[in-house]
């Protein structure tokens, strides 16, 4: 019997997935958690085979929680179950140690397929993500790896709270050039605002180096 901990702040969602999972004779949901603190406590207690983890929790992002849970129980495998179907969420989740990523827009049966694949030692992406990556192979890369050296400098300074004018002064280039770099890097990162840049840099622990 494989033990599973469900982490999602919506009781209806947890109940639906629990019923689906427990239709499988060898899968057992041993705990349901609505927040990160509950998840840490449950994983520490049960040492489950697998955690199905939502990224949007009331007490913080599920991304840093991935690493925390793995530090508590290194043998536990994590499958992200999320409404977020774009970058940087997918690359970040996988980079931090998740072995699977299933979006909430796919058929419920894909969750069970993902859990089984990960428990067999595979990495798993839901069908919508696999199709997108097949159409755009470069989406399998870390989005930051697609930035040029100059775009990365601009990214770090903007994420650190500098205005385009301040960034231009710091780098010794024209403000118009900064806007060009900003448009390019935001497109590559799938960001819609400087707040998105801040969040990405914060998640990666890069703000301390943005000087």
N, C-alpha and C. Protein backbone atom coordinates (compact mmCIF):
# COMPACT_ATOMS: atom_id res chain seq x y z
N UNK A 1 0.85 -1.20 0.00
CA UNK A 1 0.00 0.00 0.00
C UNK A 1 0.88 1.24 0.00
N UNK A 2 0.61 2.15 -0.94
CA UNK A 2 1.36 3.40 -1.03
C UNK A 2 0.62 4.50 -0.27
N UNK A 3 1.33 5.18 0.62
CA UNK A 3 0.72 6.24 1.43
C UNK A 3 0.89 7.59 0.75
N UNK A 4 -0.18 8.39 0.80
CA UNK A 4 -0.20 9.69 0.12
C UNK A 4 -0.75 10.76 1.05
N UNK A 5 -0.12 11.93 1.04
CA UNK A 5 -0.62 13.10 1.74
C UNK A 5 -1.11 14.11 0.71
N UNK A 6 -2.33 14.58 0.87
CA UNK A 6 -2.91 15.60 -0.01
C UNK A 6 -2.79 16.97 0.64
N UNK A 7 -2.29 17.94 -0.12
CA UNK A 7 -2.15 19.30 0.40
C UNK A 7 -2.84 20.27 -0.55
N UNK A 8 -3.97 20.79 -0.12
CA UNK A 8 -4.75 21.76 -0.91
C UNK A 8 -5.64 22.51 0.06
N UNK A 9 -5.77 23.82 -0.13
CA UNK A 9 -6.55 24.59 0.85
C UNK A 9 -8.05 24.54 0.60
N UNK A 10 -8.49 23.85 -0.44
CA UNK A 10 -9.92 23.74 -0.72
C UNK A 10 -10.41 22.34 -0.34
N UNK A 11 -11.31 22.27 0.63
CA UNK A 11 -11.79 20.98 1.12
C UNK A 11 -12.48 20.17 0.03
N UNK A 12 -13.23 20.84 -0.83
CA UNK A 12 -13.94 20.14 -1.90
C UNK A 12 -12.95 19.49 -2.85
N UNK A 13 -11.88 20.21 -3.18
CA UNK A 13 -10.86 19.66 -4.07
C UNK A 13 -10.19 18.46 -3.42
N UNK A 14 -9.83 18.58 -2.15
CA UNK A 14 -9.20 17.46 -1.45
C UNK A 14 -10.11 16.24 -1.45
N UNK A 15 -11.38 16.45 -1.16
CA UNK A 15 -12.31 15.33 -1.08
C UNK A 15 -12.45 14.64 -2.44
N UNK A 16 -12.52 15.46 -3.49
CA UNK A 16 -12.65 14.88 -4.83
C UNK A 16 -11.45 14.04 -5.21
N UNK A 17 -10.26 14.55 -4.94
CA UNK A 17 -9.06 13.79 -5.28
C UNK A 17 -8.88 12.59 -4.36
N UNK A 18 -9.28 12.73 -3.11
CA UNK A 18 -9.19 11.60 -2.19
C UNK A 18 -10.05 10.44 -2.68
N UNK A 19 -11.28 10.74 -3.07
CA UNK A 19 -12.17 9.69 -3.55
C UNK A 19 -11.60 9.04 -4.81
N UNK A 20 -11.05 9.85 -5.69
CA UNK A 20 -10.47 9.32 -6.92
C UNK A 20 -9.29 8.40 -6.62
N UNK A 21 -8.40 8.86 -5.75
CA UNK A 21 -7.21 8.08 -5.43
C UNK A 21 -7.58 6.78 -4.72
N UNK A 22 -8.54 6.85 -3.81
CA UNK A 22 -8.85 5.67 -3.02
C UNK A 22 -9.71 4.65 -3.76
N UNK A 23 -10.05 4.94 -5.02
CA UNK A 23 -10.63 3.91 -5.88
C UNK A 23 -9.57 2.89 -6.28
N UNK A 24 -8.30 3.31 -6.13
CA UNK A 24 -7.19 2.42 -6.45
C UNK A 24 -6.87 1.57 -5.21
N UNK A 25 -6.85 0.26 -5.35
CA UNK A 25 -6.72 -0.61 -4.18
C UNK A 25 -5.39 -0.51 -3.45
N UNK A 26 -4.36 0.01 -4.14
CA UNK A 26 -3.03 0.06 -3.51
C UNK A 26 -2.62 1.47 -3.11
N UNK A 27 -3.54 2.44 -3.18
CA UNK A 27 -3.23 3.82 -2.83
C UNK A 27 -4.08 4.24 -1.63
N UNK A 28 -3.46 4.87 -0.66
CA UNK A 28 -4.16 5.25 0.56
C UNK A 28 -3.80 6.69 0.95
N UNK A 29 -4.81 7.54 1.05
CA UNK A 29 -4.61 8.92 1.51
C UNK A 29 -4.57 8.90 3.04
N UNK A 30 -3.40 9.12 3.60
CA UNK A 30 -3.25 9.01 5.06
C UNK A 30 -3.47 10.34 5.76
N UNK A 31 -3.40 11.45 5.01
CA UNK A 31 -3.62 12.76 5.65
C UNK A 31 -4.02 13.77 4.60
N UNK A 32 -4.87 14.74 5.02
CA UNK A 32 -5.27 15.86 4.19
C UNK A 32 -4.86 17.14 4.90
N UNK A 33 -4.23 18.05 4.16
CA UNK A 33 -3.71 19.29 4.77
C UNK A 33 -4.18 20.49 3.96
N UNK A 34 -4.46 21.58 4.68
CA UNK A 34 -4.93 22.79 4.02
C UNK A 34 -3.87 23.88 3.94
N UNK A 35 -2.74 23.69 4.62
CA UNK A 35 -1.72 24.73 4.64
C UNK A 35 -0.33 24.11 4.78
N UNK A 36 0.69 24.93 4.63
CA UNK A 36 2.06 24.45 4.66
C UNK A 36 2.42 23.85 6.01
N UNK A 37 2.02 24.51 7.10
CA UNK A 37 2.35 24.01 8.43
C UNK A 37 1.78 22.62 8.66
N UNK A 38 0.52 22.43 8.24
CA UNK A 38 -0.11 21.11 8.38
C UNK A 38 0.63 20.07 7.55
N UNK A 39 1.08 20.48 6.36
CA UNK A 39 1.78 19.55 5.48
C UNK A 39 3.09 19.08 6.10
N UNK A 40 3.84 20.01 6.68
CA UNK A 40 5.11 19.64 7.32
C UNK A 40 4.86 18.68 8.47
N UNK A 41 3.84 18.96 9.26
CA UNK A 41 3.52 18.09 10.41
C UNK A 41 3.12 16.69 9.93
N UNK A 42 2.30 16.64 8.87
CA UNK A 42 1.83 15.35 8.37
C UNK A 42 2.95 14.53 7.76
N UNK A 43 3.82 15.19 7.00
CA UNK A 43 4.93 14.47 6.37
C UNK A 43 5.91 13.99 7.43
N UNK A 44 6.13 14.79 8.44
CA UNK A 44 7.03 14.39 9.52
C UNK A 44 6.46 13.18 10.28
N UNK A 45 5.15 13.14 10.42
CA UNK A 45 4.51 12.05 11.16
C UNK A 45 4.39 10.77 10.33
N UNK A 46 3.89 10.91 9.10
CA UNK A 46 3.57 9.74 8.29
C UNK A 46 4.72 9.26 7.42
N UNK A 47 5.66 10.14 7.08
CA UNK A 47 6.73 9.79 6.14
C UNK A 47 6.13 9.10 4.90
N UNK A 48 5.23 9.79 4.21
CA UNK A 48 4.48 9.13 3.13
C UNK A 48 5.36 8.82 1.92
N UNK A 49 4.84 7.94 1.07
CA UNK A 49 5.53 7.64 -0.18
C UNK A 49 5.46 8.84 -1.12
N UNK A 50 4.35 9.59 -1.02
CA UNK A 50 4.15 10.67 -1.99
C UNK A 50 3.28 11.78 -1.40
N UNK A 51 3.56 13.01 -1.83
CA UNK A 51 2.74 14.17 -1.49
C UNK A 51 2.19 14.78 -2.77
N UNK A 52 0.88 14.99 -2.81
CA UNK A 52 0.24 15.73 -3.91
C UNK A 52 0.02 17.15 -3.39
N UNK A 53 0.74 18.11 -3.97
CA UNK A 53 0.86 19.45 -3.38
C UNK A 53 0.34 20.55 -4.29
N UNK A 54 -0.59 21.33 -3.77
CA UNK A 54 -1.03 22.55 -4.45
C UNK A 54 0.01 23.63 -4.19
N UNK A 55 0.19 24.54 -5.15
CA UNK A 55 1.18 25.60 -4.97
C UNK A 55 0.62 26.83 -4.27
N UNK A 56 -0.70 27.02 -4.31
CA UNK A 56 -1.30 28.22 -3.72
C UNK A 56 -1.91 27.86 -2.37
N UNK A 57 -1.19 28.19 -1.30
CA UNK A 57 -1.64 27.86 0.04
C UNK A 57 -1.83 29.13 0.86
N UNK A 58 -2.70 29.11 1.86
CA UNK A 58 -2.99 30.34 2.61
C UNK A 58 -1.81 30.89 3.40
N UNK A 59 -0.83 30.04 3.71
CA UNK A 59 0.31 30.53 4.49
C UNK A 59 1.60 30.56 3.67
N UNK A 60 1.45 30.67 2.35
CA UNK A 60 2.63 30.85 1.52
C UNK A 60 2.63 30.00 0.27
N UNK A 61 3.63 30.23 -0.56
CA UNK A 61 3.78 29.49 -1.81
C UNK A 61 4.20 28.05 -1.55
N UNK A 62 3.71 27.15 -2.38
CA UNK A 62 4.11 25.76 -2.27
C UNK A 62 5.50 25.50 -2.80
N UNK A 63 6.10 26.44 -3.53
CA UNK A 63 7.42 26.20 -4.11
C UNK A 63 8.50 25.97 -3.04
N UNK A 64 8.70 26.90 -2.10
CA UNK A 64 9.69 26.62 -1.05
C UNK A 64 9.30 25.44 -0.17
N UNK A 65 8.01 25.14 -0.09
CA UNK A 65 7.55 24.02 0.72
C UNK A 65 8.06 22.69 0.15
N UNK A 66 8.23 22.62 -1.17
CA UNK A 66 8.76 21.40 -1.79
C UNK A 66 10.09 21.03 -1.15
N UNK A 67 11.00 21.99 -1.10
CA UNK A 67 12.32 21.74 -0.53
C UNK A 67 12.23 21.43 0.97
N UNK A 68 11.34 22.11 1.66
CA UNK A 68 11.18 21.88 3.09
C UNK A 68 10.70 20.45 3.36
N UNK A 69 9.72 20.01 2.60
CA UNK A 69 9.19 18.67 2.80
C UNK A 69 10.25 17.61 2.50
N UNK A 70 11.05 17.85 1.48
CA UNK A 70 12.10 16.89 1.13
C UNK A 70 13.20 16.87 2.19
N UNK A 71 13.40 17.99 2.87
CA UNK A 71 14.38 18.00 3.96
C UNK A 71 13.87 17.24 5.17
N UNK A 72 12.54 17.18 5.31
CA UNK A 72 11.93 16.43 6.41
C UNK A 72 11.91 14.94 6.11
N UNK A 73 11.57 14.60 4.86
CA UNK A 73 11.46 13.19 4.46
C UNK A 73 12.02 13.05 3.05
N UNK A 74 13.29 12.77 2.96
CA UNK A 74 13.97 12.76 1.67
C UNK A 74 13.45 11.71 0.71
N UNK A 75 12.89 10.62 1.26
CA UNK A 75 12.43 9.54 0.39
C UNK A 75 11.04 9.83 -0.21
N UNK A 76 10.34 10.82 0.35
CA UNK A 76 9.02 11.17 -0.15
C UNK A 76 9.11 11.83 -1.52
N UNK A 77 8.25 11.44 -2.42
CA UNK A 77 8.21 12.04 -3.75
C UNK A 77 7.04 13.02 -3.83
N UNK A 78 7.24 14.08 -4.58
CA UNK A 78 6.24 15.15 -4.62
C UNK A 78 5.72 15.36 -6.04
N UNK A 79 4.41 15.39 -6.14
CA UNK A 79 3.74 15.74 -7.39
C UNK A 79 2.97 17.04 -7.15
N UNK A 80 3.26 18.05 -7.94
CA UNK A 80 2.54 19.32 -7.83
C UNK A 80 1.20 19.20 -8.55
N UNK A 81 0.17 19.68 -7.90
CA UNK A 81 -1.18 19.71 -8.47
C UNK A 81 -1.63 21.16 -8.42
N UNK A 82 -1.68 21.84 -9.58
CA UNK A 82 -1.82 23.29 -9.53
C UNK A 82 -2.66 23.86 -10.67
N UNK A 83 -3.27 25.01 -10.40
CA UNK A 83 -3.95 25.76 -11.45
C UNK A 83 -2.96 26.50 -12.34
N UNK A 84 -1.74 26.69 -11.86
CA UNK A 84 -0.73 27.40 -12.63
C UNK A 84 -0.16 26.48 -13.72
N UNK A 85 -0.31 26.89 -14.96
CA UNK A 85 0.11 26.03 -16.06
C UNK A 85 1.23 26.64 -16.90
N UNK A 86 1.92 27.64 -16.35
CA UNK A 86 2.98 28.30 -17.10
C UNK A 86 4.23 28.49 -16.27
N UNK A 87 5.21 29.12 -16.90
CA UNK A 87 6.47 29.41 -16.22
C UNK A 87 6.32 30.68 -15.39
N UNK A 88 7.13 30.85 -14.34
CA UNK A 88 8.24 29.97 -13.96
C UNK A 88 7.85 28.83 -13.03
N UNK A 89 6.53 28.65 -12.82
CA UNK A 89 6.09 27.69 -11.82
C UNK A 89 6.57 26.27 -12.11
N UNK A 90 6.44 25.84 -13.36
CA UNK A 90 6.78 24.46 -13.69
C UNK A 90 8.27 24.20 -13.50
N UNK A 91 9.10 25.04 -14.12
CA UNK A 91 10.55 24.85 -14.00
C UNK A 91 11.02 24.96 -12.55
N UNK A 92 10.42 25.91 -11.81
CA UNK A 92 10.82 26.09 -10.41
C UNK A 92 10.44 24.88 -9.57
N UNK A 93 9.24 24.35 -9.79
CA UNK A 93 8.80 23.19 -9.02
C UNK A 93 9.72 22.00 -9.26
N UNK A 94 10.07 21.77 -10.52
CA UNK A 94 10.95 20.65 -10.85
C UNK A 94 12.36 20.89 -10.33
N UNK A 95 12.83 22.14 -10.43
CA UNK A 95 14.17 22.45 -9.94
C UNK A 95 14.27 22.22 -8.44
N UNK A 96 13.20 22.50 -7.72
CA UNK A 96 13.22 22.38 -6.27
C UNK A 96 13.03 20.94 -5.78
N UNK A 97 12.72 20.03 -6.71
CA UNK A 97 12.66 18.62 -6.32
C UNK A 97 11.37 17.88 -6.60
N UNK A 98 10.33 18.57 -7.11
CA UNK A 98 9.10 17.86 -7.48
C UNK A 98 9.41 16.88 -8.61
N UNK A 99 8.75 15.73 -8.59
CA UNK A 99 8.97 14.73 -9.63
C UNK A 99 7.84 14.70 -10.65
N UNK A 100 6.78 15.47 -10.38
CA UNK A 100 5.67 15.53 -11.32
C UNK A 100 4.93 16.85 -11.21
N UNK A 101 4.21 17.20 -12.27
CA UNK A 101 3.44 18.45 -12.29
C UNK A 101 2.16 18.18 -13.08
N UNK A 102 1.02 18.28 -12.40
CA UNK A 102 -0.28 18.03 -13.02
C UNK A 102 -1.13 19.28 -12.86
N UNK A 103 -1.66 19.80 -13.96
CA UNK A 103 -2.52 20.98 -13.86
C UNK A 103 -3.95 20.55 -13.54
N UNK A 104 -4.68 21.47 -12.92
CA UNK A 104 -6.06 21.16 -12.54
C UNK A 104 -7.02 21.23 -13.72
N UNK A 105 -6.50 21.56 -14.90
CA UNK A 105 -7.37 21.64 -16.07
C UNK A 105 -7.50 20.32 -16.83
N UNK A 106 -6.75 19.29 -16.43
CA UNK A 106 -6.79 18.03 -17.17
C UNK A 106 -7.77 17.07 -16.51
N UNK A 107 -8.01 15.95 -17.19
CA UNK A 107 -8.93 14.95 -16.65
C UNK A 107 -8.42 14.42 -15.31
N UNK A 108 -9.32 14.20 -14.35
CA UNK A 108 -8.89 13.76 -13.02
C UNK A 108 -8.04 12.49 -13.04
N UNK A 109 -8.29 11.61 -14.02
CA UNK A 109 -7.54 10.37 -14.08
C UNK A 109 -6.05 10.60 -14.28
N UNK A 110 -5.69 11.76 -14.81
CA UNK A 110 -4.27 12.04 -15.02
C UNK A 110 -3.52 12.20 -13.71
N UNK A 111 -4.23 12.59 -12.65
CA UNK A 111 -3.56 12.67 -11.35
C UNK A 111 -3.10 11.29 -10.91
N UNK A 112 -3.98 10.31 -11.02
CA UNK A 112 -3.60 8.95 -10.63
C UNK A 112 -2.46 8.45 -11.50
N UNK A 113 -2.53 8.73 -12.81
CA UNK A 113 -1.45 8.32 -13.71
C UNK A 113 -0.14 8.97 -13.30
N UNK A 114 -0.20 10.24 -12.90
CA UNK A 114 1.01 10.94 -12.47
C UNK A 114 1.58 10.38 -11.19
N UNK A 115 0.69 10.08 -10.24
CA UNK A 115 1.15 9.51 -8.97
C UNK A 115 1.85 8.17 -9.21
N UNK A 116 1.26 7.35 -10.05
CA UNK A 116 1.85 6.03 -10.32
C UNK A 116 3.19 6.17 -11.04
N UNK A 117 3.25 7.05 -12.02
CA UNK A 117 4.50 7.23 -12.76
C UNK A 117 5.63 7.67 -11.83
N UNK A 118 5.33 8.62 -10.95
CA UNK A 118 6.35 9.14 -10.04
C UNK A 118 6.77 8.07 -9.03
N UNK A 119 5.81 7.28 -8.57
CA UNK A 119 6.16 6.23 -7.61
C UNK A 119 7.01 5.14 -8.27
N UNK A 120 6.95 5.04 -9.60
CA UNK A 120 7.78 4.08 -10.32
C UNK A 120 9.13 4.67 -10.71
N UNK A 121 9.40 5.89 -10.21
CA UNK A 121 10.70 6.49 -10.46
C UNK A 121 10.78 7.39 -11.68
N UNK A 122 9.64 7.64 -12.32
CA UNK A 122 9.62 8.49 -13.50
C UNK A 122 9.32 9.93 -13.11
N UNK A 123 9.59 10.83 -14.06
CA UNK A 123 9.10 12.21 -13.95
C UNK A 123 7.84 12.31 -14.80
N UNK A 124 6.88 13.11 -14.35
CA UNK A 124 5.59 13.15 -15.04
C UNK A 124 5.10 14.58 -15.21
N UNK A 125 4.64 14.89 -16.42
CA UNK A 125 3.95 16.14 -16.70
C UNK A 125 2.59 15.80 -17.28
N UNK A 126 1.55 16.53 -16.90
CA UNK A 126 0.22 16.26 -17.43
C UNK A 126 0.19 16.51 -18.93
N UNK A 127 -0.81 15.97 -19.60
CA UNK A 127 -0.85 15.94 -21.06
C UNK A 127 -0.81 17.33 -21.68
N UNK A 128 -1.45 18.32 -21.04
CA UNK A 128 -1.44 19.66 -21.61
C UNK A 128 -0.04 20.26 -21.60
N UNK A 129 0.72 19.97 -20.55
CA UNK A 129 2.09 20.49 -20.48
C UNK A 129 3.00 19.75 -21.46
N UNK A 130 2.80 18.45 -21.61
CA UNK A 130 3.61 17.69 -22.57
C UNK A 130 3.37 18.18 -23.98
N UNK A 131 2.11 18.46 -24.29
CA UNK A 131 1.79 18.96 -25.63
C UNK A 131 2.43 20.31 -25.88
N UNK A 132 2.36 21.18 -24.88
CA UNK A 132 2.94 22.52 -25.03
C UNK A 132 4.45 22.44 -25.23
N UNK A 133 5.10 21.56 -24.49
CA UNK A 133 6.55 21.43 -24.63
C UNK A 133 6.93 20.77 -25.94
N UNK A 134 6.06 19.92 -26.47
CA UNK A 134 6.32 19.32 -27.77
C UNK A 134 6.23 20.37 -28.87
N UNK A 135 5.29 21.31 -28.71
CA UNK A 135 5.13 22.38 -29.69
C UNK A 135 6.23 23.42 -29.57
N UNK A 136 6.71 23.63 -28.32
CA UNK A 136 7.78 24.60 -28.07
C UNK A 136 8.84 23.92 -27.21
N UNK A 137 9.75 23.19 -27.82
CA UNK A 137 10.73 22.41 -27.06
C UNK A 137 11.54 23.23 -26.06
N UNK A 138 11.76 24.50 -26.32
CA UNK A 138 12.60 25.30 -25.42
C UNK A 138 11.95 25.55 -24.07
N UNK A 139 10.61 25.24 -23.94
CA UNK A 139 9.97 25.48 -22.67
C UNK A 139 10.45 24.49 -21.61
N UNK A 140 11.19 23.49 -22.01
CA UNK A 140 11.76 22.58 -21.04
C UNK A 140 12.96 23.18 -20.33
N UNK A 141 13.44 24.32 -20.80
CA UNK A 141 14.61 24.95 -20.20
C UNK A 141 14.22 25.84 -19.03
N UNK A 142 15.15 26.02 -18.15
CA UNK A 142 14.99 27.03 -17.12
C UNK A 142 14.82 28.37 -17.83
N UNK A 143 13.74 29.11 -17.57
CA UNK A 143 13.52 30.36 -18.30
C UNK A 143 14.67 31.36 -18.14
N UNK A 144 15.36 31.34 -16.99
CA UNK A 144 16.47 32.27 -16.80
C UNK A 144 17.63 31.95 -17.73
N UNK A 145 17.72 30.69 -18.17
CA UNK A 145 18.82 30.32 -19.06
C UNK A 145 18.65 30.93 -20.45
N UNK A 146 17.47 31.44 -20.74
CA UNK A 146 17.22 32.03 -22.06
C UNK A 146 17.58 33.51 -22.10
N UNK A 147 17.95 34.08 -20.95
CA UNK A 147 18.33 35.49 -20.92
C UNK A 147 19.77 35.67 -21.36
N UNK A 148 20.03 36.77 -22.06
CA UNK A 148 21.41 37.13 -22.35
C UNK A 148 22.05 37.68 -21.09
N UNK A 149 23.35 37.83 -21.09
CA UNK A 149 24.05 38.36 -19.91
C UNK A 149 23.52 39.74 -19.55
N UNK A 150 23.29 40.59 -20.55
CA UNK A 150 22.79 41.93 -20.29
C UNK A 150 21.35 41.88 -19.78
N UNK A 151 20.52 41.02 -20.35
CA UNK A 151 19.15 40.90 -19.89
C UNK A 151 19.10 40.42 -18.43
N UNK A 152 20.02 39.55 -18.07
CA UNK A 152 20.06 39.08 -16.69
C UNK A 152 20.42 40.22 -15.74
N UNK A 153 21.36 41.08 -16.15
CA UNK A 153 21.71 42.24 -15.33
C UNK A 153 20.50 43.14 -15.14
N UNK A 154 19.79 43.40 -16.24
CA UNK A 154 18.61 44.26 -16.17
C UNK A 154 17.54 43.62 -15.30
N UNK A 155 17.33 42.32 -15.48
CA UNK A 155 16.35 41.58 -14.68
C UNK A 155 16.62 41.73 -13.19
N UNK A 156 17.87 41.52 -12.77
CA UNK A 156 18.20 41.57 -11.35
C UNK A 156 18.01 42.97 -10.77
N UNK A 157 18.36 43.98 -11.55
CA UNK A 157 18.21 45.36 -11.06
C UNK A 157 16.74 45.76 -10.98
N UNK A 158 15.94 45.41 -11.99
CA UNK A 158 14.51 45.71 -11.95
C UNK A 158 13.83 44.94 -10.82
N UNK A 159 14.18 43.67 -10.66
CA UNK A 159 13.60 42.86 -9.60
C UNK A 159 13.96 43.41 -8.23
N UNK A 160 15.13 44.05 -8.14
CA UNK A 160 15.58 44.63 -6.88
C UNK A 160 14.95 45.97 -6.57
N UNK A 161 14.06 46.46 -7.44
CA UNK A 161 13.33 47.69 -7.17
C UNK A 161 13.84 48.92 -7.90
N UNK A 162 14.87 48.79 -8.74
CA UNK A 162 15.37 49.95 -9.50
C UNK A 162 14.37 50.32 -10.60
N UNK A 163 14.27 51.60 -10.89
CA UNK A 163 13.49 52.06 -12.03
C UNK A 163 14.32 51.90 -13.30
N UNK A 164 13.68 51.89 -14.48
CA UNK A 164 14.45 51.81 -15.72
C UNK A 164 15.52 52.91 -15.83
N UNK A 165 15.21 54.11 -15.35
CA UNK A 165 16.18 55.19 -15.38
C UNK A 165 17.38 54.87 -14.50
N UNK A 166 17.12 54.33 -13.31
CA UNK A 166 18.21 53.96 -12.39
C UNK A 166 19.04 52.81 -12.96
N UNK A 167 18.36 51.86 -13.62
CA UNK A 167 19.07 50.74 -14.23
C UNK A 167 19.99 51.25 -15.34
N UNK A 168 19.48 52.19 -16.15
CA UNK A 168 20.29 52.75 -17.22
C UNK A 168 21.53 53.42 -16.66
N UNK A 169 21.36 54.17 -15.57
CA UNK A 169 22.50 54.82 -14.95
C UNK A 169 23.50 53.83 -14.38
N UNK A 170 23.00 52.76 -13.76
CA UNK A 170 23.88 51.77 -13.15
C UNK A 170 24.69 51.01 -14.19
N UNK A 171 24.09 50.78 -15.36
CA UNK A 171 24.76 50.00 -16.39
C UNK A 171 25.46 50.87 -17.43
N UNK A 172 25.22 52.17 -17.36
CA UNK A 172 25.88 53.08 -18.29
C UNK A 172 25.38 52.96 -19.72
N UNK A 173 24.09 52.68 -19.87
CA UNK A 173 23.50 52.59 -21.21
C UNK A 173 22.22 53.42 -21.23
N UNK A 174 21.68 53.65 -22.43
CA UNK A 174 20.53 54.52 -22.57
C UNK A 174 19.25 53.91 -22.01
N UNK A 175 18.38 54.79 -21.56
CA UNK A 175 17.12 54.32 -20.98
C UNK A 175 16.26 53.60 -22.02
N UNK A 176 16.29 54.04 -23.27
CA UNK A 176 15.54 53.38 -24.33
C UNK A 176 16.01 51.94 -24.50
N UNK A 177 17.32 51.73 -24.39
CA UNK A 177 17.87 50.38 -24.49
C UNK A 177 17.38 49.50 -23.34
N UNK A 178 17.25 50.10 -22.17
CA UNK A 178 16.73 49.36 -21.01
C UNK A 178 15.32 48.88 -21.28
N UNK A 179 14.49 49.73 -21.87
CA UNK A 179 13.11 49.33 -22.17
C UNK A 179 13.09 48.17 -23.17
N UNK A 180 14.02 48.18 -24.12
CA UNK A 180 14.10 47.08 -25.09
C UNK A 180 14.48 45.78 -24.38
N UNK A 181 15.49 45.87 -23.53
CA UNK A 181 15.90 44.68 -22.78
C UNK A 181 14.77 44.19 -21.86
N UNK A 182 14.08 45.14 -21.23
CA UNK A 182 13.00 44.76 -20.32
C UNK A 182 11.90 44.01 -21.06
N UNK A 183 11.51 44.53 -22.23
CA UNK A 183 10.46 43.87 -23.01
C UNK A 183 10.88 42.46 -23.41
N UNK A 184 12.14 42.32 -23.80
CA UNK A 184 12.63 41.02 -24.23
C UNK A 184 12.67 40.02 -23.07
N UNK A 185 13.23 40.43 -21.94
CA UNK A 185 13.38 39.49 -20.82
C UNK A 185 12.02 39.14 -20.21
N UNK A 186 11.10 40.10 -20.19
CA UNK A 186 9.78 39.80 -19.63
C UNK A 186 9.04 38.80 -20.51
N UNK A 187 9.25 38.91 -21.83
CA UNK A 187 8.65 37.94 -22.73
C UNK A 187 9.22 36.55 -22.52
N UNK A 188 10.53 36.47 -22.35
CA UNK A 188 11.19 35.16 -22.15
C UNK A 188 10.79 34.52 -20.83
N UNK A 189 10.53 35.36 -19.81
CA UNK A 189 10.20 34.84 -18.49
C UNK A 189 8.69 34.69 -18.27
N UNK A 190 7.90 35.14 -19.24
CA UNK A 190 6.45 35.08 -19.09
C UNK A 190 5.95 36.01 -18.00
N UNK A 191 6.66 37.12 -17.79
CA UNK A 191 6.30 38.07 -16.74
C UNK A 191 5.45 39.20 -17.30
N UNK A 192 4.51 39.68 -16.49
CA UNK A 192 3.66 40.77 -16.94
C UNK A 192 3.96 42.10 -16.28
N UNK A 193 4.83 42.07 -15.27
CA UNK A 193 5.12 43.30 -14.55
C UNK A 193 6.42 43.13 -13.76
N UNK A 194 6.93 44.26 -13.20
CA UNK A 194 8.10 44.19 -12.34
C UNK A 194 7.83 43.35 -11.09
N UNK A 195 6.55 43.30 -10.66
CA UNK A 195 6.21 42.47 -9.50
C UNK A 195 6.47 41.00 -9.81
N UNK A 196 6.15 40.57 -11.03
CA UNK A 196 6.45 39.19 -11.42
C UNK A 196 7.95 38.93 -11.40
N UNK A 197 8.73 39.92 -11.83
CA UNK A 197 10.19 39.78 -11.80
C UNK A 197 10.68 39.66 -10.37
N UNK A 198 10.12 40.47 -9.49
CA UNK A 198 10.51 40.40 -8.08
C UNK A 198 10.20 39.02 -7.50
N UNK A 199 9.02 38.50 -7.82
CA UNK A 199 8.62 37.20 -7.28
C UNK A 199 9.56 36.11 -7.77
N UNK A 200 9.90 36.14 -9.06
CA UNK A 200 10.80 35.13 -9.60
C UNK A 200 12.18 35.22 -8.94
N UNK A 201 12.70 36.43 -8.84
CA UNK A 201 14.02 36.61 -8.23
C UNK A 201 13.99 36.19 -6.76
N UNK A 202 12.90 36.49 -6.08
CA UNK A 202 12.76 36.12 -4.67
C UNK A 202 12.72 34.60 -4.50
N UNK A 203 11.96 33.94 -5.37
CA UNK A 203 11.86 32.48 -5.31
C UNK A 203 13.23 31.83 -5.54
N UNK A 204 14.03 32.45 -6.39
CA UNK A 204 15.35 31.87 -6.70
C UNK A 204 16.43 32.31 -5.72
N UNK A 205 16.09 33.20 -4.77
CA UNK A 205 17.09 33.68 -3.83
C UNK A 205 18.11 34.58 -4.49
N UNK A 206 17.70 35.33 -5.51
CA UNK A 206 18.62 36.16 -6.28
C UNK A 206 18.68 37.62 -5.85
N UNK A 207 17.75 38.04 -5.04
CA UNK A 207 17.68 39.47 -4.73
C UNK A 207 18.91 39.98 -3.99
N UNK A 208 19.53 39.15 -3.21
CA UNK A 208 20.72 39.59 -2.47
C UNK A 208 21.88 39.90 -3.40
N UNK A 209 21.83 39.37 -4.63
CA UNK A 209 22.92 39.60 -5.58
C UNK A 209 22.59 40.68 -6.59
N UNK A 210 21.42 41.32 -6.43
CA UNK A 210 21.01 42.29 -7.45
C UNK A 210 21.65 43.65 -7.23
N UNK A 211 22.21 43.85 -6.05
CA UNK A 211 22.96 45.06 -5.69
C UNK A 211 22.42 46.31 -6.15
